[in-house]
Amino acid sequence: MIGIIDCGAGNIFSLQAAFERLGTSHRLITKRADVLDLRALVLPGVGAFGDAIHSLKANGMDEVILEWIGWGKPLLGICLGMQLLFEKSEEHGVHEGLKILPGTIRKITGPVKVPHMGWNRLNIRQSHTLFQDFTEGYVYFVHSYYAATIPEVILATTKYSEEMPVIVGKDNVLGMQFHPEKSGPVGMRLLSNWLKLVEG
């Protein structure tokens, strides 16, 4: 069973549909008691960083996530959910994140359209079991901010104004800046590979 954290800023319907296509049971999570029998957690999200982190803290889910990570169990952050894993964000002021990964969420700059909406190619930067039987391809983005972080946690990037981290990971934590559930066969392969990691 996979838990999808409902922080009030998630594109949850399409993610649920993706897990159904993969034959994976799942349910929405809003409190600590909901996670006790789960194999893994997914932190999705669209919208503003500040609103999302406030929502997590309002019902204590920030502490649940940190406890979950401490247990060594798998967590996947998607889009805004990936950004929430970092130390802080500069979106509409400075907001503290979950501080699971080092780095700051900063606005995309340069001679490009913001928000970044559309398909961009993944460039794999580190070998990882997430990329088993995987061929680099295009995935779908909708975002205005990116993670400025250290090379050690960057698994894949894309070029948009500059080379941006779009898959990050450390130990039992993974994050994807794009929407795998909206990224066709490439995104479904990544979700399927993540589920294989969850199953051990």
N, C-alpha and C. Protein backbone atom coordinates (compact mmCIF):
# COMPACT_ATOMS: atom_id res chain seq x y z
N MET A 1 0.84 -1.20 0.00
CA MET A 1 0.00 0.00 0.00
C MET A 1 0.88 1.26 0.00
N ILE A 2 0.58 2.18 -0.92
CA ILE A 2 1.31 3.44 -1.03
C ILE A 2 0.43 4.55 -0.45
N GLY A 3 1.02 5.41 0.35
CA GLY A 3 0.30 6.55 0.91
C GLY A 3 0.61 7.82 0.12
N ILE A 4 -0.44 8.54 -0.30
CA ILE A 4 -0.28 9.82 -0.99
C ILE A 4 -0.66 10.91 -0.01
N ILE A 5 0.30 11.72 0.37
CA ILE A 5 0.07 12.76 1.38
C ILE A 5 -0.77 13.88 0.79
N ASP A 6 -1.85 14.21 1.44
CA ASP A 6 -2.73 15.29 0.99
C ASP A 6 -2.37 16.55 1.78
N CYS A 7 -1.60 17.44 1.14
CA CYS A 7 -1.21 18.68 1.81
C CYS A 7 -2.00 19.86 1.27
N GLY A 8 -3.11 19.57 0.60
CA GLY A 8 -3.97 20.63 0.11
C GLY A 8 -3.45 21.32 -1.12
N ALA A 9 -2.36 20.79 -1.71
CA ALA A 9 -1.78 21.43 -2.90
C ALA A 9 -1.31 20.38 -3.88
N GLY A 10 -2.06 19.29 -3.98
CA GLY A 10 -1.62 18.18 -4.80
C GLY A 10 -2.46 17.97 -6.04
N ASN A 11 -1.81 17.54 -7.11
CA ASN A 11 -2.51 17.10 -8.31
C ASN A 11 -2.77 15.61 -8.13
N ILE A 12 -3.65 15.29 -7.19
CA ILE A 12 -3.74 13.93 -6.68
C ILE A 12 -4.47 12.99 -7.63
N PHE A 13 -5.47 13.49 -8.34
CA PHE A 13 -6.28 12.60 -9.17
C PHE A 13 -5.44 11.88 -10.23
N SER A 14 -4.59 12.63 -10.95
CA SER A 14 -3.79 12.01 -12.00
C SER A 14 -2.76 11.04 -11.43
N LEU A 15 -2.27 11.33 -10.24
CA LEU A 15 -1.31 10.42 -9.59
C LEU A 15 -2.00 9.13 -9.17
N GLN A 16 -3.21 9.26 -8.62
CA GLN A 16 -3.97 8.07 -8.26
C GLN A 16 -4.24 7.21 -9.50
N ALA A 17 -4.60 7.86 -10.59
CA ALA A 17 -4.87 7.14 -11.83
C ALA A 17 -3.63 6.40 -12.32
N ALA A 18 -2.46 7.02 -12.17
CA ALA A 18 -1.21 6.37 -12.59
C ALA A 18 -0.94 5.12 -11.76
N PHE A 19 -1.13 5.20 -10.45
CA PHE A 19 -0.91 4.03 -9.60
C PHE A 19 -1.92 2.93 -9.92
N GLU A 20 -3.16 3.32 -10.26
CA GLU A 20 -4.15 2.33 -10.65
C GLU A 20 -3.73 1.61 -11.92
N ARG A 21 -3.19 2.35 -12.89
CA ARG A 21 -2.71 1.72 -14.13
C ARG A 21 -1.57 0.75 -13.86
N LEU A 22 -0.79 1.05 -12.82
CA LEU A 22 0.33 0.18 -12.46
C LEU A 22 -0.09 -0.95 -11.53
N GLY A 23 -1.37 -0.99 -11.18
CA GLY A 23 -1.89 -2.05 -10.32
C GLY A 23 -1.44 -1.94 -8.88
N THR A 24 -1.20 -0.71 -8.42
CA THR A 24 -0.69 -0.48 -7.07
C THR A 24 -1.76 0.11 -6.16
N SER A 25 -2.00 -0.52 -5.04
CA SER A 25 -2.98 0.00 -4.10
C SER A 25 -2.44 1.24 -3.41
N HIS A 26 -3.33 2.18 -3.10
CA HIS A 26 -2.90 3.46 -2.53
C HIS A 26 -4.06 4.08 -1.77
N ARG A 27 -3.73 5.05 -0.91
CA ARG A 27 -4.76 5.83 -0.24
C ARG A 27 -4.20 7.18 0.17
N LEU A 28 -5.11 8.13 0.40
CA LEU A 28 -4.71 9.46 0.84
C LEU A 28 -4.36 9.45 2.31
N ILE A 29 -3.37 10.28 2.67
CA ILE A 29 -2.86 10.34 4.03
C ILE A 29 -3.00 11.77 4.56
N THR A 30 -3.60 11.91 5.73
CA THR A 30 -3.75 13.23 6.34
C THR A 30 -3.28 13.28 7.79
N LYS A 31 -2.96 12.13 8.38
CA LYS A 31 -2.53 12.11 9.79
C LYS A 31 -1.61 10.93 10.06
N ARG A 32 -0.92 10.97 11.19
CA ARG A 32 0.09 9.97 11.52
C ARG A 32 -0.45 8.55 11.52
N ALA A 33 -1.64 8.35 12.06
CA ALA A 33 -2.19 7.00 12.17
C ALA A 33 -2.37 6.34 10.81
N ASP A 34 -2.47 7.15 9.75
CA ASP A 34 -2.70 6.61 8.41
C ASP A 34 -1.49 5.93 7.82
N VAL A 35 -0.28 6.16 8.37
CA VAL A 35 0.94 5.69 7.70
C VAL A 35 1.46 4.37 8.26
N LEU A 36 0.88 3.89 9.33
CA LEU A 36 1.51 2.81 10.08
C LEU A 36 1.63 1.50 9.30
N ASP A 37 0.75 1.23 8.34
CA ASP A 37 0.81 -0.03 7.60
C ASP A 37 1.25 0.15 6.15
N LEU A 38 1.90 1.26 5.84
CA LEU A 38 2.26 1.57 4.46
C LEU A 38 3.66 1.08 4.10
N ARG A 39 3.89 0.89 2.79
CA ARG A 39 5.21 0.54 2.29
C ARG A 39 6.03 1.77 1.94
N ALA A 40 5.34 2.84 1.46
CA ALA A 40 6.04 4.04 1.00
C ALA A 40 5.08 5.22 1.01
N LEU A 41 5.67 6.43 0.98
CA LEU A 41 4.90 7.66 0.93
C LEU A 41 5.25 8.46 -0.31
N VAL A 42 4.24 9.15 -0.86
CA VAL A 42 4.44 10.08 -1.95
C VAL A 42 3.98 11.46 -1.50
N LEU A 43 4.81 12.46 -1.69
CA LEU A 43 4.47 13.84 -1.37
C LEU A 43 4.32 14.60 -2.69
N PRO A 44 3.08 14.77 -3.17
CA PRO A 44 2.87 15.50 -4.42
C PRO A 44 2.66 16.98 -4.12
N GLY A 45 2.38 17.76 -5.13
CA GLY A 45 2.07 19.15 -4.87
C GLY A 45 2.13 20.04 -6.09
N VAL A 46 1.19 20.95 -6.16
CA VAL A 46 1.25 22.06 -7.10
C VAL A 46 0.86 23.30 -6.31
N GLY A 47 1.27 24.48 -6.77
CA GLY A 47 0.93 25.70 -6.05
C GLY A 47 2.13 26.31 -5.37
N ALA A 48 1.87 27.05 -4.31
CA ALA A 48 2.91 27.83 -3.63
C ALA A 48 3.58 27.05 -2.50
N PHE A 49 4.89 27.20 -2.39
CA PHE A 49 5.68 26.52 -1.36
C PHE A 49 5.19 26.87 0.03
N GLY A 50 5.01 28.17 0.30
CA GLY A 50 4.62 28.61 1.64
C GLY A 50 3.30 28.02 2.09
N ASP A 51 2.32 28.00 1.20
CA ASP A 51 1.01 27.43 1.54
C ASP A 51 1.11 25.94 1.84
N ALA A 52 1.91 25.24 1.03
CA ALA A 52 2.03 23.79 1.19
C ALA A 52 2.73 23.42 2.49
N ILE A 53 3.83 24.11 2.83
CA ILE A 53 4.54 23.76 4.07
C ILE A 53 3.69 24.14 5.28
N HIS A 54 2.92 25.22 5.17
CA HIS A 54 2.02 25.59 6.26
C HIS A 54 0.96 24.51 6.47
N SER A 55 0.42 23.98 5.37
CA SER A 55 -0.59 22.94 5.47
C SER A 55 -0.02 21.68 6.13
N LEU A 56 1.20 21.30 5.75
CA LEU A 56 1.82 20.13 6.37
C LEU A 56 2.01 20.32 7.86
N LYS A 57 2.45 21.50 8.25
CA LYS A 57 2.70 21.76 9.67
C LYS A 57 1.41 21.87 10.47
N ALA A 58 0.35 22.34 9.81
CA ALA A 58 -0.92 22.54 10.51
C ALA A 58 -1.50 21.23 11.05
N ASN A 59 -1.28 20.13 10.32
CA ASN A 59 -1.80 18.86 10.82
C ASN A 59 -0.69 17.90 11.26
N GLY A 60 0.52 18.43 11.43
CA GLY A 60 1.63 17.63 11.96
C GLY A 60 2.25 16.67 10.97
N MET A 61 1.90 16.80 9.69
CA MET A 61 2.45 15.87 8.72
C MET A 61 3.93 16.10 8.43
N ASP A 62 4.44 17.31 8.73
CA ASP A 62 5.87 17.54 8.58
C ASP A 62 6.66 16.62 9.51
N GLU A 63 6.20 16.48 10.75
CA GLU A 63 6.86 15.62 11.71
C GLU A 63 6.71 14.14 11.33
N VAL A 64 5.55 13.79 10.78
CA VAL A 64 5.32 12.42 10.33
C VAL A 64 6.31 12.06 9.22
N ILE A 65 6.50 12.98 8.27
CA ILE A 65 7.42 12.74 7.16
C ILE A 65 8.85 12.55 7.67
N LEU A 66 9.28 13.41 8.59
CA LEU A 66 10.64 13.30 9.12
C LEU A 66 10.82 12.00 9.91
N GLU A 67 9.80 11.61 10.63
CA GLU A 67 9.85 10.34 11.37
C GLU A 67 9.93 9.17 10.38
N TRP A 68 9.15 9.25 9.33
CA TRP A 68 9.15 8.22 8.30
C TRP A 68 10.54 8.06 7.67
N ILE A 69 11.16 9.19 7.36
CA ILE A 69 12.51 9.16 6.79
C ILE A 69 13.49 8.53 7.78
N GLY A 70 13.33 8.87 9.04
CA GLY A 70 14.19 8.31 10.06
C GLY A 70 14.06 6.80 10.18
N TRP A 71 12.91 6.26 9.85
CA TRP A 71 12.71 4.81 9.86
C TRP A 71 13.37 4.14 8.66
N GLY A 72 13.85 4.95 7.70
CA GLY A 72 14.48 4.39 6.52
C GLY A 72 13.50 3.92 5.46
N LYS A 73 12.27 4.39 5.52
CA LYS A 73 11.25 3.97 4.55
C LYS A 73 11.23 4.91 3.35
N PRO A 74 10.77 4.41 2.18
CA PRO A 74 10.84 5.19 0.94
C PRO A 74 9.87 6.38 0.91
N LEU A 75 10.37 7.49 0.41
CA LEU A 75 9.56 8.69 0.18
C LEU A 75 9.88 9.24 -1.20
N LEU A 76 8.84 9.59 -1.95
CA LEU A 76 9.00 10.21 -3.27
C LEU A 76 8.29 11.56 -3.27
N GLY A 77 9.03 12.64 -3.56
CA GLY A 77 8.44 13.96 -3.71
C GLY A 77 8.26 14.28 -5.19
N ILE A 78 7.10 14.83 -5.56
CA ILE A 78 6.81 15.14 -6.96
C ILE A 78 6.47 16.61 -7.10
N CYS A 79 7.14 17.29 -8.04
CA CYS A 79 6.93 18.70 -8.36
C CYS A 79 7.13 19.56 -7.10
N LEU A 80 6.11 20.26 -6.63
CA LEU A 80 6.26 21.03 -5.40
C LEU A 80 6.67 20.13 -4.24
N GLY A 81 6.18 18.90 -4.26
CA GLY A 81 6.57 17.94 -3.21
C GLY A 81 8.06 17.70 -3.17
N MET A 82 8.72 17.70 -4.33
CA MET A 82 10.18 17.59 -4.35
C MET A 82 10.81 18.83 -3.74
N GLN A 83 10.29 20.00 -4.08
CA GLN A 83 10.86 21.24 -3.56
C GLN A 83 10.74 21.33 -2.05
N LEU A 84 9.67 20.79 -1.50
CA LEU A 84 9.47 20.84 -0.05
C LEU A 84 10.53 20.05 0.71
N LEU A 85 11.21 19.14 0.04
CA LEU A 85 12.25 18.34 0.69
C LEU A 85 13.49 19.16 1.05
N PHE A 86 13.64 20.33 0.44
CA PHE A 86 14.87 21.11 0.62
C PHE A 86 14.80 22.04 1.84
N GLU A 87 15.91 22.72 2.08
CA GLU A 87 16.04 23.52 3.31
C GLU A 87 15.13 24.73 3.32
N LYS A 88 15.03 25.42 2.19
CA LYS A 88 14.21 26.62 2.16
C LYS A 88 13.84 26.98 0.73
N SER A 89 12.86 27.88 0.60
CA SER A 89 12.43 28.37 -0.70
C SER A 89 12.39 29.89 -0.69
N GLU A 90 12.66 30.49 -1.85
CA GLU A 90 12.60 31.94 -2.01
C GLU A 90 11.33 32.36 -2.76
N GLU A 91 10.33 31.48 -2.79
CA GLU A 91 9.08 31.78 -3.48
C GLU A 91 8.19 32.67 -2.61
N HIS A 92 7.95 33.91 -3.05
CA HIS A 92 7.11 34.86 -2.30
C HIS A 92 7.61 35.02 -0.86
N GLY A 93 8.89 35.38 -0.72
CA GLY A 93 9.50 35.46 0.61
C GLY A 93 10.30 34.20 0.87
N VAL A 94 10.91 34.13 2.04
CA VAL A 94 11.72 32.96 2.40
C VAL A 94 10.91 32.06 3.33
N HIS A 95 10.84 30.79 2.97
CA HIS A 95 10.09 29.80 3.77
C HIS A 95 10.98 28.60 4.04
N GLU A 96 10.98 28.12 5.25
CA GLU A 96 11.74 26.92 5.60
C GLU A 96 11.03 25.69 5.06
N GLY A 97 11.83 24.76 4.52
CA GLY A 97 11.29 23.50 4.03
C GLY A 97 11.47 22.38 5.05
N LEU A 98 11.40 21.15 4.59
CA LEU A 98 11.54 20.00 5.48
C LEU A 98 12.99 19.72 5.85
N LYS A 99 13.94 20.28 5.10
CA LYS A 99 15.37 20.18 5.40
C LYS A 99 15.90 18.75 5.33
N ILE A 100 15.29 17.94 4.45
CA ILE A 100 15.77 16.58 4.23
C ILE A 100 16.95 16.57 3.27
N LEU A 101 16.90 17.46 2.28
CA LEU A 101 17.98 17.60 1.30
C LEU A 101 18.57 19.00 1.40
N PRO A 102 19.87 19.15 1.13
CA PRO A 102 20.50 20.46 1.19
C PRO A 102 20.20 21.30 -0.04
N GLY A 103 19.92 22.57 0.15
CA GLY A 103 19.72 23.44 -1.00
C GLY A 103 18.56 24.40 -0.82
N THR A 104 18.44 25.29 -1.80
CA THR A 104 17.44 26.36 -1.78
C THR A 104 16.63 26.33 -3.07
N ILE A 105 15.33 26.56 -2.95
CA ILE A 105 14.45 26.64 -4.11
C ILE A 105 14.45 28.09 -4.61
N ARG A 106 14.87 28.28 -5.86
CA ARG A 106 15.03 29.62 -6.43
C ARG A 106 14.24 29.76 -7.73
N LYS A 107 13.91 30.99 -8.09
CA LYS A 107 13.13 31.24 -9.29
C LYS A 107 13.98 31.04 -10.54
N ILE A 108 13.35 30.45 -11.56
CA ILE A 108 14.00 30.31 -12.86
C ILE A 108 14.22 31.70 -13.47
N THR A 109 15.41 31.95 -13.95
CA THR A 109 15.74 33.24 -14.58
C THR A 109 16.34 33.00 -15.96
N GLY A 110 16.58 34.08 -16.67
CA GLY A 110 17.19 33.97 -17.99
C GLY A 110 16.17 34.20 -19.09
N PRO A 111 16.61 34.07 -20.33
CA PRO A 111 15.77 34.37 -21.50
C PRO A 111 14.82 33.22 -21.85
N VAL A 112 14.01 32.82 -20.88
CA VAL A 112 13.06 31.72 -21.08
C VAL A 112 11.71 32.12 -20.50
N LYS A 113 10.65 31.41 -20.92
CA LYS A 113 9.33 31.67 -20.37
C LYS A 113 9.20 31.06 -18.98
N VAL A 114 8.59 31.82 -18.09
CA VAL A 114 8.31 31.35 -16.74
C VAL A 114 6.82 31.58 -16.47
N PRO A 115 6.07 30.55 -16.08
CA PRO A 115 6.55 29.22 -15.69
C PRO A 115 7.04 28.38 -16.87
N HIS A 116 7.88 27.43 -16.52
CA HIS A 116 8.35 26.43 -17.46
C HIS A 116 7.24 25.39 -17.61
N MET A 117 6.60 25.38 -18.76
CA MET A 117 5.51 24.43 -19.02
C MET A 117 5.80 23.69 -20.32
N GLY A 118 5.86 22.38 -20.24
CA GLY A 118 6.07 21.60 -21.44
C GLY A 118 7.05 20.46 -21.24
N TRP A 119 7.48 19.89 -22.36
CA TRP A 119 8.30 18.68 -22.36
C TRP A 119 9.78 19.02 -22.53
N ASN A 120 10.60 18.44 -21.66
CA ASN A 120 12.05 18.59 -21.75
C ASN A 120 12.72 17.23 -21.53
N ARG A 121 13.91 17.12 -22.08
CA ARG A 121 14.63 15.85 -22.02
C ARG A 121 15.35 15.68 -20.69
N LEU A 122 15.26 14.47 -20.14
CA LEU A 122 16.04 14.11 -18.95
C LEU A 122 17.47 13.78 -19.35
N ASN A 123 18.42 14.24 -18.56
CA ASN A 123 19.84 13.90 -18.74
C ASN A 123 20.31 13.22 -17.45
N ILE A 124 20.56 11.93 -17.51
CA ILE A 124 20.97 11.18 -16.33
C ILE A 124 22.40 11.56 -15.94
N ARG A 125 22.59 11.87 -14.67
CA ARG A 125 23.90 12.32 -14.17
C ARG A 125 24.58 11.31 -13.26
N GLN A 126 23.81 10.43 -12.64
CA GLN A 126 24.39 9.41 -11.77
C GLN A 126 23.66 8.10 -12.01
N SER A 127 24.38 7.00 -11.90
CA SER A 127 23.72 5.70 -11.99
C SER A 127 22.89 5.47 -10.73
N HIS A 128 21.74 4.87 -10.92
CA HIS A 128 20.82 4.62 -9.80
C HIS A 128 19.87 3.52 -10.24
N THR A 129 19.42 2.70 -9.30
CA THR A 129 18.49 1.63 -9.64
C THR A 129 17.16 2.17 -10.18
N LEU A 130 16.86 3.43 -9.92
CA LEU A 130 15.66 4.05 -10.50
C LEU A 130 15.71 4.01 -12.03
N PHE A 131 16.91 3.97 -12.60
CA PHE A 131 17.07 4.02 -14.04
C PHE A 131 17.28 2.65 -14.68
N GLN A 132 16.95 1.59 -13.96
CA GLN A 132 17.09 0.25 -14.51
C GLN A 132 16.16 0.06 -15.72
N ASP A 133 16.68 -0.46 -16.81
CA ASP A 133 15.91 -0.68 -18.05
C ASP A 133 15.25 0.61 -18.52
N PHE A 134 15.93 1.72 -18.33
CA PHE A 134 15.36 3.03 -18.63
C PHE A 134 16.20 3.73 -19.70
N THR A 135 15.53 4.30 -20.68
CA THR A 135 16.19 5.09 -21.71
C THR A 135 15.81 6.55 -21.53
N GLU A 136 16.80 7.42 -21.58
CA GLU A 136 16.51 8.85 -21.43
C GLU A 136 15.42 9.28 -22.40
N GLY A 137 14.52 10.12 -21.92
CA GLY A 137 13.43 10.59 -22.76
C GLY A 137 12.90 11.91 -22.26
N TYR A 138 11.72 12.29 -22.73
CA TYR A 138 11.12 13.58 -22.39
C TYR A 138 10.05 13.42 -21.32
N VAL A 139 10.01 14.39 -20.41
CA VAL A 139 9.02 14.39 -19.33
C VAL A 139 8.36 15.77 -19.26
N TYR A 140 7.24 15.83 -18.55
CA TYR A 140 6.40 17.03 -18.57
C TYR A 140 6.57 17.88 -17.30
N PHE A 141 6.84 19.17 -17.51
CA PHE A 141 7.10 20.11 -16.42
C PHE A 141 6.03 21.20 -16.34
N VAL A 142 5.74 21.62 -15.11
CA VAL A 142 4.98 22.86 -14.85
C VAL A 142 5.56 23.45 -13.57
N HIS A 143 6.48 24.41 -13.70
CA HIS A 143 7.08 24.99 -12.50
C HIS A 143 7.76 26.32 -12.84
N SER A 144 7.91 27.14 -11.80
CA SER A 144 8.59 28.43 -11.93
C SER A 144 9.86 28.50 -11.10
N TYR A 145 10.07 27.51 -10.25
CA TYR A 145 11.22 27.49 -9.33
C TYR A 145 11.96 26.17 -9.49
N TYR A 146 13.25 26.17 -9.12
CA TYR A 146 14.07 24.98 -9.24
C TYR A 146 14.94 24.84 -8.00
N ALA A 147 15.53 23.67 -7.84
CA ALA A 147 16.37 23.40 -6.67
C ALA A 147 17.84 23.71 -6.97
N ALA A 148 18.41 24.65 -6.23
CA ALA A 148 19.85 24.90 -6.27
C ALA A 148 20.46 24.04 -5.16
N THR A 149 21.18 22.99 -5.54
CA THR A 149 21.63 22.02 -4.55
C THR A 149 23.03 21.53 -4.90
N ILE A 150 23.50 20.52 -4.17
CA ILE A 150 24.85 20.01 -4.35
C ILE A 150 24.85 18.85 -5.35
N PRO A 151 25.97 18.65 -6.07
CA PRO A 151 26.01 17.59 -7.09
C PRO A 151 25.71 16.20 -6.55
N GLU A 152 26.06 15.94 -5.30
CA GLU A 152 25.91 14.59 -4.75
C GLU A 152 24.48 14.09 -4.75
N VAL A 153 23.49 14.99 -4.70
CA VAL A 153 22.10 14.53 -4.64
C VAL A 153 21.41 14.63 -6.01
N ILE A 154 22.11 15.09 -7.04
CA ILE A 154 21.51 15.27 -8.36
C ILE A 154 21.65 13.98 -9.18
N LEU A 155 20.52 13.36 -9.49
CA LEU A 155 20.52 12.13 -10.28
C LEU A 155 20.27 12.39 -11.76
N ALA A 156 19.48 13.44 -12.07
CA ALA A 156 19.21 13.79 -13.46
C ALA A 156 18.91 15.28 -13.55
N THR A 157 19.18 15.84 -14.73
CA THR A 157 18.95 17.26 -14.96
C THR A 157 18.18 17.46 -16.26
N THR A 158 17.76 18.69 -16.51
CA THR A 158 17.28 19.11 -17.82
C THR A 158 17.81 20.50 -18.10
N LYS A 159 17.87 20.86 -19.38
CA LYS A 159 18.36 22.19 -19.76
C LYS A 159 17.18 23.10 -20.04
N TYR A 160 17.07 24.16 -19.21
CA TYR A 160 16.04 25.19 -19.43
C TYR A 160 16.60 26.48 -18.86
N SER A 161 17.12 27.33 -19.69
CA SER A 161 17.88 28.51 -19.27
C SER A 161 19.25 28.08 -18.76
N GLU A 162 19.24 27.12 -17.86
CA GLU A 162 20.48 26.52 -17.36
C GLU A 162 20.19 25.06 -17.04
N GLU A 163 21.22 24.32 -16.68
CA GLU A 163 21.04 22.92 -16.31
C GLU A 163 20.45 22.85 -14.91
N MET A 164 19.24 22.30 -14.80
CA MET A 164 18.53 22.27 -13.53
C MET A 164 18.38 20.83 -13.04
N PRO A 165 18.52 20.61 -11.72
CA PRO A 165 18.25 19.28 -11.17
C PRO A 165 16.76 18.96 -11.29
N VAL A 166 16.44 17.78 -11.82
CA VAL A 166 15.03 17.41 -11.94
C VAL A 166 14.71 16.03 -11.36
N ILE A 167 15.75 15.24 -11.05
CA ILE A 167 15.59 14.08 -10.19
C ILE A 167 16.70 14.16 -9.15
N VAL A 168 16.31 14.10 -7.90
CA VAL A 168 17.27 14.19 -6.79
C VAL A 168 17.05 13.00 -5.87
N GLY A 169 18.09 12.67 -5.12
CA GLY A 169 17.94 11.54 -4.22
C GLY A 169 19.03 11.45 -3.18
N LYS A 170 18.65 10.90 -2.05
CA LYS A 170 19.60 10.63 -0.97
C LYS A 170 19.00 9.53 -0.10
N ASP A 171 19.72 8.40 -0.02
CA ASP A 171 19.27 7.26 0.79
C ASP A 171 17.86 6.82 0.36
N ASN A 172 16.90 6.90 1.26
CA ASN A 172 15.54 6.42 0.97
C ASN A 172 14.63 7.50 0.41
N VAL A 173 15.18 8.65 0.07
CA VAL A 173 14.39 9.78 -0.42
C VAL A 173 14.70 10.06 -1.88
N LEU A 174 13.64 10.19 -2.69
CA LEU A 174 13.79 10.58 -4.09
C LEU A 174 12.82 11.71 -4.39
N GLY A 175 13.19 12.56 -5.35
CA GLY A 175 12.31 13.64 -5.76
C GLY A 175 12.37 13.85 -7.26
N MET A 176 11.22 14.18 -7.85
CA MET A 176 11.12 14.46 -9.28
C MET A 176 10.45 15.81 -9.46
N GLN A 177 11.12 16.75 -10.15
CA GLN A 177 10.56 18.08 -10.37
C GLN A 177 9.40 18.05 -11.38
N PHE A 178 9.45 17.15 -12.31
CA PHE A 178 8.41 17.01 -13.33
C PHE A 178 7.25 16.15 -12.79
N HIS A 179 6.25 15.96 -13.63
CA HIS A 179 5.10 15.12 -13.27
C HIS A 179 5.22 13.77 -13.98
N PRO A 180 5.72 12.74 -13.30
CA PRO A 180 5.86 11.44 -13.97
C PRO A 180 4.51 10.88 -14.41
N GLU A 181 3.47 11.19 -13.65
CA GLU A 181 2.13 10.66 -13.96
C GLU A 181 1.53 11.29 -15.21
N LYS A 182 2.16 12.39 -15.71
CA LYS A 182 1.69 13.05 -16.92
C LYS A 182 2.73 12.97 -18.04
N SER A 183 3.74 12.13 -17.85
CA SER A 183 4.88 12.09 -18.76
C SER A 183 4.92 10.86 -19.65
N GLY A 184 3.76 10.27 -19.92
CA GLY A 184 3.69 9.16 -20.85
C GLY A 184 4.49 7.95 -20.41
N PRO A 185 4.96 7.14 -21.37
CA PRO A 185 5.69 5.91 -21.05
C PRO A 185 6.95 6.15 -20.22
N VAL A 186 7.65 7.27 -20.46
CA VAL A 186 8.87 7.56 -19.69
C VAL A 186 8.55 7.75 -18.22
N GLY A 187 7.53 8.55 -17.94
CA GLY A 187 7.13 8.79 -16.56
C GLY A 187 6.62 7.53 -15.88
N MET A 188 5.85 6.74 -16.61
CA MET A 188 5.32 5.50 -16.03
C MET A 188 6.44 4.51 -15.74
N ARG A 189 7.48 4.48 -16.59
CA ARG A 189 8.62 3.61 -16.32
C ARG A 189 9.33 4.02 -15.03
N LEU A 190 9.48 5.33 -14.83
CA LEU A 190 10.13 5.80 -13.60
C LEU A 190 9.29 5.46 -12.37
N LEU A 191 7.98 5.65 -12.46
CA LEU A 191 7.11 5.28 -11.33
C LEU A 191 7.17 3.77 -11.08
N SER A 192 7.16 3.00 -12.15
CA SER A 192 7.23 1.55 -12.01
C SER A 192 8.55 1.13 -11.37
N ASN A 193 9.65 1.75 -11.79
CA ASN A 193 10.95 1.42 -11.19
C ASN A 193 11.00 1.82 -9.72
N TRP A 194 10.38 2.97 -9.39
CA TRP A 194 10.35 3.37 -7.99
C TRP A 194 9.56 2.35 -7.16
N LEU A 195 8.46 1.86 -7.70
CA LEU A 195 7.67 0.85 -6.98
C LEU A 195 8.47 -0.43 -6.77
N LYS A 196 9.31 -0.78 -7.74
CA LYS A 196 10.18 -1.95 -7.57
C LYS A 196 11.17 -1.73 -6.44
N LEU A 197 11.69 -0.49 -6.32
CA LEU A 197 12.58 -0.16 -5.20
C LEU A 197 11.84 -0.31 -3.88
N VAL A 198 10.59 0.15 -3.86
CA VAL A 198 9.77 0.06 -2.65
C VAL A 198 9.57 -1.39 -2.23
N GLU A 199 9.36 -2.25 -3.23
CA GLU A 199 9.12 -3.66 -2.94
C GLU A 199 10.38 -4.39 -2.51
N GLY A 200 11.54 -3.73 -2.71
CA GLY A 200 12.78 -4.27 -2.19
C GLY A 200 13.54 -5.16 -3.14
